[in-house]
C-alpha cells in the first residue's frame, strides 16, 4: 500500500477551536487552550503517524490585524501556513461571517490546494441556523468542502481526519515515525506556564507575558525546571507575584500538575519574574523568544 504524507494547516479567527481540534487529532495536549483571544502565538506542529501515513498538522495563531511587532510576527506564522499546506483546514464557528483580514480570505478563495471548511461548535446551534451557515459559506467559498463539526465534543472529527487522508499526496514521511511534534520540551513548559497565566490573570497582564525556561534537567525519576516569567513593567511584576507570592505559587502548582501528566514523571518547578521592558515591540527580544526569523 502506498505511503501518504503531507502538511495539514489549520487557520481561522481567534477562539474558533483550532487548538482543540489539533489536540483531538493528535491525542495529546500540544496546544494550550483558553477562552482568551491570541492564546496561540506560535505555529505548532503535531504529527500523527500510521503504518501508511504521516499527517503533519499545524496549529496557527488566530488571524488578527496586527497592532504591534509581536502580533505581526504571529501573522507571519499564519502566512507561512498558507504557503506550504497540502490540505488547508479553514475553521469557522457558528454565527461567524468572515475572516478578520480580507487579504487572507482572498488567498483562501483563490487557493489551488484542497480547502476543508470546518464549521465548528455545531453543538451550540439548531438545524435551521446550521443550514443557513452552510449556505452562507457555500456562496463565499464554492470550491471548499464544508464539514460541520464539534471539536470539543469530538463530533465528526474522525470523519474529517479520514477525508484528510484521502486528500494527502503519496510520499515518504517527513519526520521519524515516533516523533509527536517539532517543538522541544522547554517549549511545552513555557506554554503550560503561559496558559496558567492566561487563566489566572485579567486584562493586559497575560498579553504582556513571555516565559523562558532556563533550566530543564531530567533525571530517572524527576524533572527539575527553572523558568522565568517576563513582563513589561514593574507594576505587572507585582501583580504576577501577588500578595506574599500566592498568585505566582498558584501558577506554579497548576503548571506542575499539567507537566507531570504531559511528561509522565514527577516535576519540580521554580518560577521567577523579571521585567523586560517593551519586549513585544523589540525585534531582538522577539527573535530571542522564537518569533522573528
Protein backbone atom coordinates (compact mmCIF):
# COMPACT_ATOMS: atom_id res chain seq x y z
CA UNK A 1 0.00 0.00 0.00
CA UNK A 2 1.35 3.47 -0.93
CA UNK A 3 2.51 5.74 1.90
CA UNK A 4 0.92 9.20 2.21
CA UNK A 5 2.45 12.23 3.89
CA UNK A 6 1.75 15.94 3.95
CA UNK A 7 1.13 19.19 5.79
CA UNK A 8 -2.40 19.97 7.00
CA UNK A 9 -2.61 23.54 8.27
CA UNK A 10 -5.40 24.92 10.46
CA UNK A 11 -6.25 28.62 10.14
CA UNK A 12 -9.11 30.85 11.28
CA UNK A 13 -10.11 33.73 13.54
CA UNK A 14 -9.12 33.71 17.24
CA UNK A 15 -11.06 31.36 19.52
CA UNK A 16 -12.78 29.26 16.85
CA UNK A 17 -11.36 25.98 18.26
CA UNK A 18 -8.18 25.43 16.21
CA UNK A 19 -6.11 24.23 19.17
CA UNK A 20 -8.92 21.99 20.44
CA UNK A 21 -9.12 20.33 17.01
CA UNK A 22 -5.35 19.91 16.76
CA UNK A 23 -5.22 18.23 20.17
CA UNK A 24 -8.18 16.00 19.24
CA UNK A 25 -6.39 14.83 16.08
CA UNK A 26 -3.06 14.23 17.81
CA UNK A 27 -4.50 12.74 21.02
CA UNK A 28 -2.14 14.87 23.13
CA UNK A 29 -2.38 18.37 24.56
CA UNK A 30 0.20 20.11 22.38
CA UNK A 31 -1.58 23.48 22.05
CA UNK A 32 -2.72 25.42 25.08
CA UNK A 33 -6.41 26.31 25.21
CA UNK A 34 -8.15 29.19 26.98
CA UNK A 35 -11.18 31.33 26.24
CA UNK A 36 -8.94 34.37 25.67
CA UNK A 37 -8.06 35.55 22.15
CA UNK A 38 -4.45 35.20 20.97
CA UNK A 39 -3.76 32.20 23.22
CA UNK A 40 -1.74 30.57 20.43
CA UNK A 41 1.30 32.69 19.49
CA UNK A 42 3.45 30.23 17.56
CA UNK A 43 2.93 27.77 14.75
CA UNK A 44 2.91 24.36 16.42
CA UNK A 45 3.26 21.08 14.55
CA UNK A 46 1.51 17.92 15.74
CA UNK A 47 2.45 14.70 13.93
CA UNK A 48 0.01 11.80 13.56
CA UNK A 49 1.59 8.57 12.30
CA UNK A 50 0.09 5.38 10.92
CA UNK A 51 1.59 2.42 9.06
CA UNK A 52 0.83 4.01 5.70
CA UNK A 53 0.54 7.73 6.52
CA UNK A 54 2.07 10.71 8.30
CA UNK A 55 -0.17 13.73 8.83
CA UNK A 56 1.72 16.86 9.92
CA UNK A 57 -0.86 19.15 11.50
CA UNK A 58 -0.13 22.79 12.08
CA UNK A 59 -1.94 24.95 14.64
CA UNK A 60 -1.57 28.68 13.98
CA UNK A 61 -2.39 31.94 15.79
CA UNK A 62 -5.87 33.37 15.23
CA UNK A 63 -5.99 35.85 12.35
CA UNK A 64 -5.98 39.48 13.53
CA UNK A 65 -4.95 42.91 12.27
CA UNK A 66 -1.55 43.38 13.98
CA UNK A 67 -1.20 46.25 16.46
CA UNK A 68 2.44 45.70 17.48
CA UNK A 69 5.54 43.74 16.42
CA UNK A 70 4.66 40.53 18.30
CA UNK A 71 1.29 40.34 16.52
CA UNK A 72 2.95 40.97 13.13
CA UNK A 73 5.27 38.05 13.81
CA UNK A 74 2.27 35.89 14.79
CA UNK A 75 0.64 36.71 11.43
CA UNK A 76 3.86 35.71 9.63
CA UNK A 77 3.34 32.21 11.07
CA UNK A 78 -0.15 32.18 9.50
CA UNK A 79 1.19 33.33 6.11
CA UNK A 80 3.74 30.51 6.12
CA UNK A 81 0.90 28.05 6.88
CA UNK A 82 -0.92 29.20 3.74
CA UNK A 83 2.20 28.69 1.63
CA UNK A 84 3.23 25.14 2.50
CA UNK A 85 -0.09 23.32 3.05
CA UNK A 86 -1.09 20.19 1.15
CA UNK A 87 -4.58 20.49 2.68
CA UNK A 88 -5.94 23.66 4.29
CA UNK A 89 -8.42 23.47 7.17
CA UNK A 90 -10.26 26.79 7.39
CA UNK A 91 -12.07 26.77 10.71
CA UNK A 92 -15.07 28.96 11.49
CA UNK A 93 -17.63 28.84 14.25
CA UNK A 94 -21.41 29.00 14.06
CA UNK A 95 -22.52 32.61 13.56
CA UNK A 96 -19.25 33.78 12.02
CA UNK A 97 -19.45 35.61 8.69
CA UNK A 98 -15.88 36.31 7.56
CA UNK A 99 -12.18 36.36 8.41
CA UNK A 100 -10.82 39.39 10.28
CA UNK A 101 -8.36 40.01 7.46
CA UNK A 102 -9.78 40.36 3.94
CA UNK A 103 -6.44 39.66 2.19
CA UNK A 104 -6.14 36.30 3.93
CA UNK A 105 -9.69 35.45 2.91
CA UNK A 106 -8.96 36.22 -0.74
CA UNK A 107 -5.98 33.88 -0.60
CA UNK A 108 -8.24 31.10 0.68
CA UNK A 109 -10.80 31.82 -2.07
CA UNK A 110 -8.05 31.58 -4.71
CA UNK A 111 -6.32 28.58 -3.15
CA UNK A 112 -5.19 25.85 -5.55
CA UNK A 113 -4.96 23.25 -2.77
CA UNK A 114 -7.95 21.43 -1.22
CA UNK A 115 -9.77 23.54 1.39
CA UNK A 116 -11.95 21.92 4.04
CA UNK A 117 -14.15 24.50 5.73
CA UNK A 118 -14.85 23.21 9.23
CA UNK A 119 -17.98 24.72 10.74
CA UNK A 120 -17.22 24.29 14.44
CA UNK A 121 -19.32 24.41 17.63
CA UNK A 122 -22.41 23.00 15.92
CA UNK A 123 -23.44 21.59 19.31
CA UNK A 124 -24.48 25.20 20.14
CA UNK A 125 -26.77 25.60 17.09
CA UNK A 126 -30.16 24.34 15.91
CA UNK A 127 -30.77 22.76 12.49
CA UNK A 128 -32.08 25.95 10.86
CA UNK A 129 -29.04 28.02 11.86
CA UNK A 130 -26.73 25.23 10.72
CA UNK A 131 -28.37 25.10 7.28
CA UNK A 132 -28.17 28.92 6.95
CA UNK A 133 -24.48 28.84 7.85
CA UNK A 134 -23.69 26.06 5.37
CA UNK A 135 -25.41 28.04 2.60
CA UNK A 136 -23.58 31.25 3.59
CA UNK A 137 -20.15 29.59 3.36
CA UNK A 138 -21.01 27.68 0.17
CA UNK A 139 -21.68 31.01 -1.53
CA UNK A 140 -18.43 32.57 -0.23
CA UNK A 141 -16.21 29.53 -0.86
CA UNK A 142 -17.82 27.42 -3.60
CA UNK A 143 -14.68 25.29 -4.08
CA UNK A 144 -14.36 24.34 -0.40
CA UNK A 145 -15.78 21.20 1.17
CA UNK A 146 -17.92 22.06 4.20
CA UNK A 147 -17.84 19.79 7.25
CA UNK A 148 -19.95 20.63 10.33
CA UNK A 149 -18.03 19.54 13.46
CA UNK A 150 -17.73 19.95 17.20
CA UNK A 151 -14.04 19.74 18.11
CA UNK A 152 -14.86 19.87 21.83
CA UNK A 153 -17.43 17.04 21.63
CA UNK A 154 -15.34 15.09 19.07
CA UNK A 155 -18.28 15.11 16.65
CA UNK A 156 -17.29 14.41 13.00
CA UNK A 157 -13.59 14.79 13.87
CA UNK A 158 -12.76 11.19 12.81
CA UNK A 159 -14.62 11.67 9.52
CA UNK A 160 -12.65 14.86 8.75
CA UNK A 161 -9.38 13.06 9.51
CA UNK A 162 -10.32 10.24 7.13
CA UNK A 163 -11.07 12.82 4.41
CA UNK A 164 -7.66 14.41 5.03
CA UNK A 165 -6.00 11.02 4.46
CA UNK A 166 -7.83 10.69 1.13
CA UNK A 167 -6.55 14.11 0.00
CA UNK A 168 -2.91 13.75 1.10
CA UNK A 169 -0.26 13.18 -1.60
CA UNK A 170 1.75 9.98 -1.71
CA UNK A 171 5.27 10.25 -0.35
CA UNK A 172 7.70 9.18 2.38
CA UNK A 173 7.39 10.56 5.95
CA UNK A 174 8.97 13.95 6.67
CA UNK A 175 9.72 13.14 10.33
CA UNK A 176 10.71 9.99 12.25
CA UNK A 177 7.62 7.85 12.87
CA UNK A 178 7.90 8.10 16.67
CA UNK A 179 8.01 11.92 16.68
CA UNK A 180 4.97 13.78 18.03
CA UNK A 181 5.92 17.41 17.38
CA UNK A 182 8.68 19.70 16.12
CA UNK A 183 8.96 21.59 19.42
CA UNK A 184 11.43 20.84 22.25
CA UNK A 185 10.38 20.04 25.83
CA UNK A 186 11.14 23.56 27.04
CA UNK A 187 8.58 24.97 24.59
CA UNK A 188 5.79 22.97 26.25
CA UNK A 189 6.97 24.05 29.71
CA UNK A 190 6.81 27.70 28.60
CA UNK A 191 3.38 27.25 27.02
CA UNK A 192 1.94 25.43 30.04
CA UNK A 193 3.05 28.21 32.38
CA UNK A 194 1.68 30.82 29.96
CA UNK A 195 -1.66 29.00 29.85
CA UNK A 196 -1.95 29.20 33.66
CA UNK A 197 -1.19 32.94 33.50
CA UNK A 198 -3.91 33.39 30.85
CA UNK A 199 -6.37 31.57 33.10
CA UNK A 200 -5.44 33.28 36.40
CA UNK A 201 -4.87 36.94 35.48
CA UNK A 202 -7.09 39.53 33.83
CA UNK A 203 -6.90 42.40 31.34
CA UNK A 204 -3.50 43.17 29.81
CA UNK A 205 -1.33 41.04 32.11
CA UNK A 206 -1.39 37.74 30.14
CA UNK A 207 -0.59 39.53 26.87
CA UNK A 208 2.45 41.30 28.36
CA UNK A 209 3.94 37.97 29.47
CA UNK A 210 6.51 35.70 27.86
CA UNK A 211 8.03 32.64 29.55
CA UNK A 212 11.59 31.38 29.17
CA UNK A 213 12.77 28.08 30.65
CA UNK A 214 16.40 28.49 31.67
CA UNK A 215 16.87 25.03 33.13
CA UNK A 216 15.38 21.64 32.22
CA UNK A 217 17.20 18.79 33.95
CA UNK A 218 15.74 15.32 33.53
CA UNK A 219 16.74 12.51 35.89
CA UNK A 220 15.33 9.00 36.03
CA UNK A 221 12.52 9.89 38.47
CA UNK A 222 12.15 13.69 38.32
CA UNK A 223 12.42 16.70 36.00
CA UNK A 224 13.78 19.90 37.57
CA UNK A 225 12.65 23.08 35.85
CA UNK A 226 13.60 26.71 36.37
CA UNK A 227 11.52 29.22 34.36
CA UNK A 228 11.44 32.99 34.17
CA UNK A 229 8.22 34.91 33.54
CA UNK A 230 8.98 38.12 31.62
CA UNK A 231 6.72 41.16 31.99
CA UNK A 232 6.98 44.66 30.54
CA UNK A 233 6.54 46.79 33.68
CA UNK A 234 7.29 46.72 37.44
CA UNK A 235 3.57 47.00 38.26
CA UNK A 236 2.91 43.84 36.22
CA UNK A 237 5.66 42.03 38.13
CA UNK A 238 3.89 42.84 41.40
CA UNK A 239 0.56 41.55 40.08
CA UNK A 240 2.09 38.30 38.79
CA UNK A 241 3.77 37.62 42.16
CA UNK A 242 0.70 38.64 44.20
CA UNK A 243 0.34 39.07 47.98
CA UNK A 244 3.08 37.09 49.75
CA UNK A 245 3.81 35.35 46.43
CA UNK A 246 0.48 33.49 46.49
CA UNK A 247 -0.54 34.26 42.87
CA UNK A 248 2.80 33.03 41.48
CA UNK A 249 2.66 29.94 43.71
CA UNK A 250 -0.78 29.05 42.30
CA UNK A 251 0.57 29.28 38.72
CA UNK A 252 3.47 27.02 39.68
CA UNK A 253 1.24 24.38 41.31
CA UNK A 254 -1.19 24.27 38.36
CA UNK A 255 1.63 24.14 35.78
CA UNK A 256 3.43 21.37 37.70
CA UNK A 257 0.28 19.17 37.72
CA UNK A 258 -0.16 19.53 33.93
CA UNK A 259 3.52 18.95 33.21
CA UNK A 260 3.59 15.80 35.35
CA UNK A 261 0.75 14.44 33.19
CA UNK A 262 2.48 15.53 29.96
CA UNK A 263 5.90 14.06 30.83
CA UNK A 264 4.53 11.19 32.95
CA UNK A 265 7.12 11.94 35.60
CA UNK A 266 7.48 13.92 38.84
CA UNK A 267 8.24 17.60 38.20
CA UNK A 268 9.86 20.21 40.45
CA UNK A 269 9.37 23.74 39.13
CA UNK A 270 10.83 27.08 40.25
CA UNK A 271 9.34 30.31 38.87
CA UNK A 272 10.90 33.78 38.83
CA UNK A 273 9.55 37.09 37.47
CA UNK A 274 11.68 39.65 35.61
CA UNK A 275 10.91 42.96 33.91
CA UNK A 276 11.87 43.04 30.23
CA UNK A 277 10.65 46.46 29.07
CA UNK A 278 8.60 46.62 25.85
CA UNK A 279 9.74 43.17 24.71
CA UNK A 280 6.65 42.85 22.45
CA UNK A 281 7.92 45.69 20.25
CA UNK A 282 11.63 44.83 20.35
CA UNK A 283 12.77 42.77 17.33
CA UNK A 284 15.87 41.48 19.15
CA UNK A 285 13.78 40.22 22.07
CA UNK A 286 11.17 38.71 19.72
CA UNK A 287 13.92 36.77 17.93
CA UNK A 288 15.16 35.53 21.29
CA UNK A 289 11.70 34.17 22.06
CA UNK A 290 11.39 32.49 18.67
CA UNK A 291 9.01 34.92 16.93
CA UNK A 292 11.17 36.54 14.24
CA UNK A 293 13.32 34.70 11.73
